[in-house]
């Protein structure tokens, strides 16, 4: 007959111990993923800016401005509301909202400058416009960004619309913002497949550069999914 000390551990006890270990593990993983997203955003922006060799041509301003707009400004604007990796965790909600819309305004400014320079460059070289998936998706992304800015302005002045519309508009703004960010990420990745980028980067480094934009995209998807799509309300 077995002694009581050697009896198998109850299933519930094992589940509770695993749950306690999981509770400590997942926050660490989320913080590590958030840190990787910030490093990816800054690193890719700096790297593309250095590759563009600003001032050597009109085209050189296009990748640099777009990298700052999408990889840095848009990413950091969304991650401002992250509960795990926001560098502004000590700020109030109102302060985070201000930082968010300021970063989005900078993103719109830099992307507009980048668009102006690529259009100017093509006009000077008499090259046709909208001949690649990168350019077509880029124009579509710019249109959705304008829509998001208008939606954000409505949320900044909620007295212009009723309370019920504000609640729904917050959810639409977050979910449509996710679609916009994924479109912007896809545009960047298509840009990394361009002849200009492949002429300077190839081999393993090219594959690494192609993977890097996916890191913040996955973190942003997880953040918005837990904040809105899973019916958890984040007060903005």
C-alpha atoms as a PDB file:
ATOM      1  CA  UNK A   1       0.000   0.000   0.000  1.00  0.00           C
ATOM      2  CA  UNK A   2       1.333   3.454  -0.995  1.00  0.00           C
ATOM      3  CA  UNK A   3       2.178   5.933   1.690  1.00  0.00           C
ATOM      4  CA  UNK A   4       0.174   9.179   1.609  1.00  0.00           C
ATOM      5  CA  UNK A   5       3.306  11.166   0.762  1.00  0.00           C
ATOM      6  CA  UNK A   6       3.673   9.294  -2.524  1.00  0.00           C
ATOM      7  CA  UNK A   7       0.122   9.681  -3.727  1.00  0.00           C
ATOM      8  CA  UNK A   8      -0.167  11.413  -7.145  1.00  0.00           C
ATOM      9  CA  UNK A   9      -0.635  15.184  -7.047  1.00  0.00           C
ATOM     10  CA  UNK A  10      -4.226  16.251  -7.766  1.00  0.00           C
ATOM     11  CA  UNK A  11      -4.853  17.536 -11.250  1.00  0.00           C
ATOM     12  CA  UNK A  12      -6.107  20.835  -9.912  1.00  0.00           C
ATOM     13  CA  UNK A  13      -2.875  21.460  -8.041  1.00  0.00           C
ATOM     14  CA  UNK A  14      -0.823  20.937 -11.187  1.00  0.00           C
ATOM     15  CA  UNK A  15      -3.077  23.256 -13.162  1.00  0.00           C
ATOM     16  CA  UNK A  16      -2.762  25.952 -10.532  1.00  0.00           C
ATOM     17  CA  UNK A  17       1.054  25.681 -10.422  1.00  0.00           C
ATOM     18  CA  UNK A  18       1.258  25.784 -14.225  1.00  0.00           C
ATOM     19  CA  UNK A  19      -1.117  28.749 -14.219  1.00  0.00           C
ATOM     20  CA  UNK A  20       1.074  30.594 -11.741  1.00  0.00           C
ATOM     21  CA  UNK A  21       4.158  29.946 -13.849  1.00  0.00           C
ATOM     22  CA  UNK A  22       2.255  31.039 -16.977  1.00  0.00           C
ATOM     23  CA  UNK A  23       1.084  34.232 -15.297  1.00  0.00           C
ATOM     24  CA  UNK A  24       4.699  35.239 -14.784  1.00  0.00           C
ATOM     25  CA  UNK A  25       5.923  34.081 -18.184  1.00  0.00           C
ATOM     26  CA  UNK A  26       3.420  35.759 -20.505  1.00  0.00           C
ATOM     27  CA  UNK A  27       3.925  39.329 -19.218  1.00  0.00           C
ATOM     28  CA  UNK A  28       7.681  38.883 -19.695  1.00  0.00           C
ATOM     29  CA  UNK A  29       7.142  37.636 -23.239  1.00  0.00           C
ATOM     30  CA  UNK A  30       4.842  40.556 -24.009  1.00  0.00           C
ATOM     31  CA  UNK A  31       7.387  43.046 -22.677  1.00  0.00           C
ATOM     32  CA  UNK A  32      10.163  41.390 -24.694  1.00  0.00           C
ATOM     33  CA  UNK A  33       8.006  41.513 -27.845  1.00  0.00           C
ATOM     34  CA  UNK A  34       7.229  45.183 -27.188  1.00  0.00           C
ATOM     35  CA  UNK A  35      10.915  46.006 -26.754  1.00  0.00           C
ATOM     36  CA  UNK A  36      11.679  44.156 -30.005  1.00  0.00           C
ATOM     37  CA  UNK A  37       8.955  46.191 -31.755  1.00  0.00           C
ATOM     38  CA  UNK A  38      10.500  49.492 -30.599  1.00  0.00           C
ATOM     39  CA  UNK A  39      13.999  48.397 -31.619  1.00  0.00           C
ATOM     40  CA  UNK A  40      12.714  47.231 -35.013  1.00  0.00           C
ATOM     41  CA  UNK A  41      10.919  50.530 -35.623  1.00  0.00           C
ATOM     42  CA  UNK A  42      13.951  52.649 -34.780  1.00  0.00           C
ATOM     43  CA  UNK A  43      16.510  50.337 -36.389  1.00  0.00           C
ATOM     44  CA  UNK A  44      14.735  49.977 -39.739  1.00  0.00           C
ATOM     45  CA  UNK A  45      14.078  53.729 -39.951  1.00  0.00           C
ATOM     46  CA  UNK A  46      17.749  54.543 -39.336  1.00  0.00           C
ATOM     47  CA  UNK A  47      18.953  51.824 -41.707  1.00  0.00           C
ATOM     48  CA  UNK A  48      16.703  52.857 -44.600  1.00  0.00           C
ATOM     49  CA  UNK A  49      17.600  56.494 -43.982  1.00  0.00           C
ATOM     50  CA  UNK A  50      21.309  55.695 -44.243  1.00  0.00           C
ATOM     51  CA  UNK A  51      20.807  53.628 -47.406  1.00  0.00           C
ATOM     52  CA  UNK A  52      18.861  56.420 -49.105  1.00  0.00           C
ATOM     53  CA  UNK A  53      21.860  58.827 -48.955  1.00  0.00           C
ATOM     54  CA  UNK A  54      19.795  61.947 -48.463  1.00  0.00           C
ATOM     55  CA  UNK A  55      20.429  64.770 -50.887  1.00  0.00           C
ATOM     56  CA  UNK A  56      22.015  62.710 -53.643  1.00  0.00           C
ATOM     57  CA  UNK A  57      18.765  62.796 -55.640  1.00  0.00           C
ATOM     58  CA  UNK A  58      15.112  63.665 -55.351  1.00  0.00           C
ATOM     59  CA  UNK A  59      14.300  59.980 -54.996  1.00  0.00           C
ATOM     60  CA  UNK A  60      16.599  59.668 -51.966  1.00  0.00           C
ATOM     61  CA  UNK A  61      14.061  61.569 -49.861  1.00  0.00           C
ATOM     62  CA  UNK A  62      11.269  59.112 -50.634  1.00  0.00           C
ATOM     63  CA  UNK A  63      12.479  55.973 -48.775  1.00  0.00           C
ATOM     64  CA  UNK A  64      13.878  58.027 -45.883  1.00  0.00           C
ATOM     65  CA  UNK A  65      10.656  59.975 -45.299  1.00  0.00           C
ATOM     66  CA  UNK A  66       8.441  56.920 -45.714  1.00  0.00           C
ATOM     67  CA  UNK A  67      10.577  54.902 -43.295  1.00  0.00           C
ATOM     68  CA  UNK A  68      10.291  57.620 -40.644  1.00  0.00           C
ATOM     69  CA  UNK A  69       6.541  57.973 -41.284  1.00  0.00           C
ATOM     70  CA  UNK A  70       5.588  54.286 -41.210  1.00  0.00           C
ATOM     71  CA  UNK A  71       8.311  52.393 -39.365  1.00  0.00           C
ATOM     72  CA  UNK A  72       8.800  54.965 -36.617  1.00  0.00           C
ATOM     73  CA  UNK A  73       5.950  57.480 -36.273  1.00  0.00           C
ATOM     74  CA  UNK A  74       2.984  55.200 -36.992  1.00  0.00           C
ATOM     75  CA  UNK A  75       4.406  52.348 -34.938  1.00  0.00           C
ATOM     76  CA  UNK A  76       5.235  54.490 -31.920  1.00  0.00           C
ATOM     77  CA  UNK A  77       1.874  56.282 -32.143  1.00  0.00           C
ATOM     78  CA  UNK A  78       0.017  52.981 -31.749  1.00  0.00           C
ATOM     79  CA  UNK A  79       2.385  51.509 -29.156  1.00  0.00           C
ATOM     80  CA  UNK A  80       1.817  54.597 -27.009  1.00  0.00           C
ATOM     81  CA  UNK A  81      -1.321  52.851 -25.709  1.00  0.00           C
ATOM     82  CA  UNK A  82       0.432  49.538 -25.056  1.00  0.00           C
ATOM     83  CA  UNK A  83       0.025  48.339 -21.478  1.00  0.00           C
ATOM     84  CA  UNK A  84       3.276  46.365 -21.596  1.00  0.00           C
ATOM     85  CA  UNK A  85       5.816  48.297 -23.649  1.00  0.00           C
ATOM     86  CA  UNK A  86       4.753  51.927 -23.917  1.00  0.00           C
ATOM     87  CA  UNK A  87       7.642  54.317 -23.133  1.00  0.00           C
ATOM     88  CA  UNK A  88       4.950  56.698 -21.833  1.00  0.00           C
ATOM     89  CA  UNK A  89       3.483  54.297 -19.264  1.00  0.00           C
ATOM     90  CA  UNK A  90       3.784  57.004 -16.592  1.00  0.00           C
ATOM     91  CA  UNK A  91       1.597  59.436 -18.565  1.00  0.00           C
ATOM     92  CA  UNK A  92      -2.126  59.943 -18.154  1.00  0.00           C
ATOM     93  CA  UNK A  93      -4.607  58.851 -20.805  1.00  0.00           C
ATOM     94  CA  UNK A  94      -5.022  62.441 -22.015  1.00  0.00           C
ATOM     95  CA  UNK A  95      -1.258  62.824 -22.407  1.00  0.00           C
ATOM     96  CA  UNK A  96      -1.065  59.548 -24.333  1.00  0.00           C
ATOM     97  CA  UNK A  97      -3.825  60.742 -26.653  1.00  0.00           C
ATOM     98  CA  UNK A  98      -1.869  63.941 -27.369  1.00  0.00           C
ATOM     99  CA  UNK A  99       1.310  61.972 -28.054  1.00  0.00           C
ATOM    100  CA  UNK A 100      -0.640  59.596 -30.294  1.00  0.00           C
ATOM    101  CA  UNK A 101      -2.164  62.257 -32.520  1.00  0.00           C
ATOM    102  CA  UNK A 102       1.076  64.253 -32.646  1.00  0.00           C
ATOM    103  CA  UNK A 103       2.970  61.182 -33.867  1.00  0.00           C
ATOM    104  CA  UNK A 104       0.238  60.478 -36.417  1.00  0.00           C
ATOM    105  CA  UNK A 105       0.394  64.053 -37.678  1.00  0.00           C
ATOM    106  CA  UNK A 106       4.167  63.690 -38.087  1.00  0.00           C
ATOM    107  CA  UNK A 107       3.554  60.416 -39.939  1.00  0.00           C
ATOM    108  CA  UNK A 108       1.161  62.182 -42.317  1.00  0.00           C
ATOM    109  CA  UNK A 109       3.633  65.046 -42.864  1.00  0.00           C
ATOM    110  CA  UNK A 110       6.625  62.794 -43.583  1.00  0.00           C
ATOM    111  CA  UNK A 111       4.604  60.481 -45.836  1.00  0.00           C
ATOM    112  CA  UNK A 112       3.268  63.472 -47.777  1.00  0.00           C
ATOM    113  CA  UNK A 113       6.814  64.770 -48.255  1.00  0.00           C
ATOM    114  CA  UNK A 114       7.909  61.331 -49.423  1.00  0.00           C
ATOM    115  CA  UNK A 115       4.997  61.184 -51.865  1.00  0.00           C
ATOM    116  CA  UNK A 116       5.815  64.626 -53.257  1.00  0.00           C
ATOM    117  CA  UNK A 117       9.432  63.688 -53.870  1.00  0.00           C
ATOM    118  CA  UNK A 118       8.673  60.386 -55.621  1.00  0.00           C
ATOM    119  CA  UNK A 119       6.101  62.072 -57.880  1.00  0.00           C
ATOM    120  CA  UNK A 120       8.579  64.866 -58.637  1.00  0.00           C
ATOM    121  CA  UNK A 121      11.354  62.347 -59.325  1.00  0.00           C
ATOM    122  CA  UNK A 122       9.204  60.364 -61.743  1.00  0.00           C
ATOM    123  CA  UNK A 123       8.041  63.511 -63.517  1.00  0.00           C
ATOM    124  CA  UNK A 124      11.632  64.664 -64.057  1.00  0.00           C
ATOM    125  CA  UNK A 125      12.733  61.262 -65.352  1.00  0.00           C
ATOM    126  CA  UNK A 126       9.465  60.972 -67.332  1.00  0.00           C
ATOM    127  CA  UNK A 127       8.770  57.582 -65.776  1.00  0.00           C
ATOM    128  CA  UNK A 128       5.177  56.274 -65.591  1.00  0.00           C
ATOM    129  CA  UNK A 129       3.313  56.358 -62.299  1.00  0.00           C
ATOM    130  CA  UNK A 130       1.568  53.509 -60.467  1.00  0.00           C
ATOM    131  CA  UNK A 131       3.336  50.729 -62.326  1.00  0.00           C
ATOM    132  CA  UNK A 132       4.078  48.498 -59.313  1.00  0.00           C
ATOM    133  CA  UNK A 133       2.151  46.925 -56.430  1.00  0.00           C
ATOM    134  CA  UNK A 134       4.292  49.016 -54.071  1.00  0.00           C
ATOM    135  CA  UNK A 135       3.041  52.283 -55.571  1.00  0.00           C
ATOM    136  CA  UNK A 136      -0.590  51.161 -55.884  1.00  0.00           C
ATOM    137  CA  UNK A 137      -0.788  49.925 -52.308  1.00  0.00           C
ATOM    138  CA  UNK A 138       1.062  53.044 -51.167  1.00  0.00           C
ATOM    139  CA  UNK A 139      -1.603  55.314 -52.661  1.00  0.00           C
ATOM    140  CA  UNK A 140      -4.316  53.190 -51.062  1.00  0.00           C
ATOM    141  CA  UNK A 141      -2.541  53.480 -47.714  1.00  0.00           C
ATOM    142  CA  UNK A 142      -2.330  57.268 -48.023  1.00  0.00           C
ATOM    143  CA  UNK A 143      -6.093  57.411 -48.637  1.00  0.00           C
ATOM    144  CA  UNK A 144      -6.839  55.294 -45.562  1.00  0.00           C
ATOM    145  CA  UNK A 145      -4.438  57.426 -43.495  1.00  0.00           C
ATOM    146  CA  UNK A 146      -6.438  60.527 -44.447  1.00  0.00           C
ATOM    147  CA  UNK A 147      -9.632  58.750 -43.370  1.00  0.00           C
ATOM    148  CA  UNK A 148      -8.054  57.806 -40.062  1.00  0.00           C
ATOM    149  CA  UNK A 149      -6.931  61.389 -39.459  1.00  0.00           C
ATOM    150  CA  UNK A 150     -10.479  62.622 -40.014  1.00  0.00           C
ATOM    151  CA  UNK A 151     -11.825  59.962 -37.654  1.00  0.00           C
ATOM    152  CA  UNK A 152      -9.216  60.947 -35.063  1.00  0.00           C
ATOM    153  CA  UNK A 153     -10.233  64.604 -35.324  1.00  0.00           C
ATOM    154  CA  UNK A 154     -13.830  63.622 -34.572  1.00  0.00           C
ATOM    155  CA  UNK A 155     -12.628  61.801 -31.444  1.00  0.00           C
ATOM    156  CA  UNK A 156     -10.600  64.843 -30.372  1.00  0.00           C
ATOM    157  CA  UNK A 157     -13.798  66.911 -30.437  1.00  0.00           C
ATOM    158  CA  UNK A 158     -16.428  64.462 -29.122  1.00  0.00           C
ATOM    159  CA  UNK A 159     -18.959  67.214 -28.432  1.00  0.00           C
ATOM    160  CA  UNK A 160     -19.584  67.401 -32.171  1.00  0.00           C
ATOM    161  CA  UNK A 161     -21.117  63.910 -32.125  1.00  0.00           C
ATOM    162  CA  UNK A 162     -23.312  62.073 -29.634  1.00  0.00           C
ATOM    163  CA  UNK A 163     -21.932  59.782 -26.932  1.00  0.00           C
ATOM    164  CA  UNK A 164     -23.119  56.562 -28.605  1.00  0.00           C
ATOM    165  CA  UNK A 165     -21.368  57.480 -31.844  1.00  0.00           C
ATOM    166  CA  UNK A 166     -18.164  58.291 -29.939  1.00  0.00           C
ATOM    167  CA  UNK A 167     -18.095  54.806 -28.392  1.00  0.00           C
ATOM    168  CA  UNK A 168     -18.555  53.093 -31.730  1.00  0.00           C
ATOM    169  CA  UNK A 169     -16.170  55.475 -33.470  1.00  0.00           C
ATOM    170  CA  UNK A 170     -13.400  54.535 -31.036  1.00  0.00           C
ATOM    171  CA  UNK A 171     -13.765  50.879 -31.991  1.00  0.00           C
ATOM    172  CA  UNK A 172     -13.894  51.701 -35.723  1.00  0.00           C
ATOM    173  CA  UNK A 173     -10.865  53.970 -35.365  1.00  0.00           C
ATOM    174  CA  UNK A 174      -8.852  51.213 -33.683  1.00  0.00           C
ATOM    175  CA  UNK A 175      -9.849  48.390 -36.024  1.00  0.00           C
ATOM    176  CA  UNK A 176      -9.525  50.477 -39.200  1.00  0.00           C
ATOM    177  CA  UNK A 177      -6.230  51.772 -37.838  1.00  0.00           C
ATOM    178  CA  UNK A 178      -5.012  48.180 -37.659  1.00  0.00           C
ATOM    179  CA  UNK A 179      -5.951  47.650 -41.314  1.00  0.00           C
ATOM    180  CA  UNK A 180      -4.196  50.902 -42.242  1.00  0.00           C
ATOM    181  CA  UNK A 181      -1.057  49.917 -40.352  1.00  0.00           C
ATOM    182  CA  UNK A 182      -0.982  46.481 -41.976  1.00  0.00           C
ATOM    183  CA  UNK A 183      -1.359  48.124 -45.387  1.00  0.00           C
ATOM    184  CA  UNK A 184       1.523  50.462 -44.556  1.00  0.00           C
ATOM    185  CA  UNK A 185       3.641  47.504 -43.408  1.00  0.00           C
ATOM    186  CA  UNK A 186       2.883  45.627 -46.621  1.00  0.00           C
ATOM    187  CA  UNK A 187       3.847  48.734 -48.617  1.00  0.00           C
ATOM    188  CA  UNK A 188       7.190  48.895 -46.808  1.00  0.00           C
ATOM    189  CA  UNK A 189       7.826  45.197 -47.450  1.00  0.00           C
ATOM    190  CA  UNK A 190       7.033  45.629 -51.148  1.00  0.00           C
ATOM    191  CA  UNK A 191       9.466  48.544 -51.164  1.00  0.00           C
ATOM    192  CA  UNK A 192      12.130  46.202 -49.793  1.00  0.00           C
ATOM    193  CA  UNK A 193      11.486  44.003 -52.834  1.00  0.00           C
ATOM    194  CA  UNK A 194      12.189  46.886 -55.227  1.00  0.00           C
ATOM    195  CA  UNK A 195      15.190  47.028 -57.548  1.00  0.00           C
ATOM    196  CA  UNK A 196      16.561  50.013 -55.618  1.00  0.00           C
ATOM    197  CA  UNK A 197      16.748  48.086 -52.338  1.00  0.00           C
ATOM    198  CA  UNK A 198      17.909  44.781 -53.849  1.00  0.00           C
ATOM    199  CA  UNK A 199      20.750  46.590 -55.585  1.00  0.00           C
ATOM    200  CA  UNK A 200      22.146  47.557 -52.177  1.00  0.00           C
ATOM    201  CA  UNK A 201      21.083  44.672 -49.934  1.00  0.00           C
ATOM    202  CA  UNK A 202      21.049  40.970 -50.755  1.00  0.00           C
ATOM    203  CA  UNK A 203      21.553  37.557 -49.241  1.00  0.00           C
ATOM    204  CA  UNK A 204      20.686  36.838 -45.617  1.00  0.00           C
ATOM    205  CA  UNK A 205      20.553  40.556 -44.751  1.00  0.00           C
ATOM    206  CA  UNK A 206      17.741  41.087 -47.261  1.00  0.00           C
ATOM    207  CA  UNK A 207      15.639  38.334 -45.668  1.00  0.00           C
ATOM    208  CA  UNK A 208      16.328  39.805 -42.250  1.00  0.00           C
ATOM    209  CA  UNK A 209      15.170  43.245 -43.404  1.00  0.00           C
ATOM    210  CA  UNK A 210      12.031  41.662 -44.825  1.00  0.00           C
ATOM    211  CA  UNK A 211      11.199  40.017 -41.503  1.00  0.00           C
ATOM    212  CA  UNK A 212      11.849  43.057 -39.292  1.00  0.00           C
ATOM    213  CA  UNK A 213       8.629  44.994 -40.236  1.00  0.00           C
ATOM    214  CA  UNK A 214       6.575  41.957 -39.197  1.00  0.00           C
ATOM    215  CA  UNK A 215       7.719  42.221 -35.556  1.00  0.00           C
ATOM    216  CA  UNK A 216       5.953  45.521 -34.722  1.00  0.00           C
ATOM    217  CA  UNK A 217       3.011  44.480 -36.921  1.00  0.00           C
ATOM    218  CA  UNK A 218       2.424  41.366 -34.797  1.00  0.00           C
ATOM    219  CA  UNK A 219       2.740  43.370 -31.575  1.00  0.00           C
ATOM    220  CA  UNK A 220       0.249  45.968 -32.853  1.00  0.00           C
ATOM    221  CA  UNK A 221      -2.168  43.223 -33.926  1.00  0.00           C
ATOM    222  CA  UNK A 222      -2.004  41.643 -30.474  1.00  0.00           C
ATOM    223  CA  UNK A 223      -2.481  45.004 -28.761  1.00  0.00           C
ATOM    224  CA  UNK A 224      -5.579  45.968 -30.740  1.00  0.00           C
ATOM    225  CA  UNK A 225      -7.002  42.442 -30.573  1.00  0.00           C
ATOM    226  CA  UNK A 226      -6.835  42.400 -26.760  1.00  0.00           C
ATOM    227  CA  UNK A 227      -7.961  45.994 -26.475  1.00  0.00           C
ATOM    228  CA  UNK A 228     -10.943  46.047 -28.838  1.00  0.00           C
ATOM    229  CA  UNK A 229     -11.597  42.897 -30.831  1.00  0.00           C
ATOM    230  CA  UNK A 230     -11.743  40.722 -27.709  1.00  0.00           C
ATOM    231  CA  UNK A 231     -14.359  43.149 -26.264  1.00  0.00           C
ATOM    232  CA  UNK A 232     -11.999  44.610 -23.680  1.00  0.00           C
ATOM    233  CA  UNK A 233     -12.533  48.343 -23.520  1.00  0.00           C
ATOM    234  CA  UNK A 234      -9.536  50.668 -23.403  1.00  0.00           C
ATOM    235  CA  UNK A 235     -10.523  54.202 -22.527  1.00  0.00           C
ATOM    236  CA  UNK A 236      -8.985  56.667 -24.978  1.00  0.00           C
END
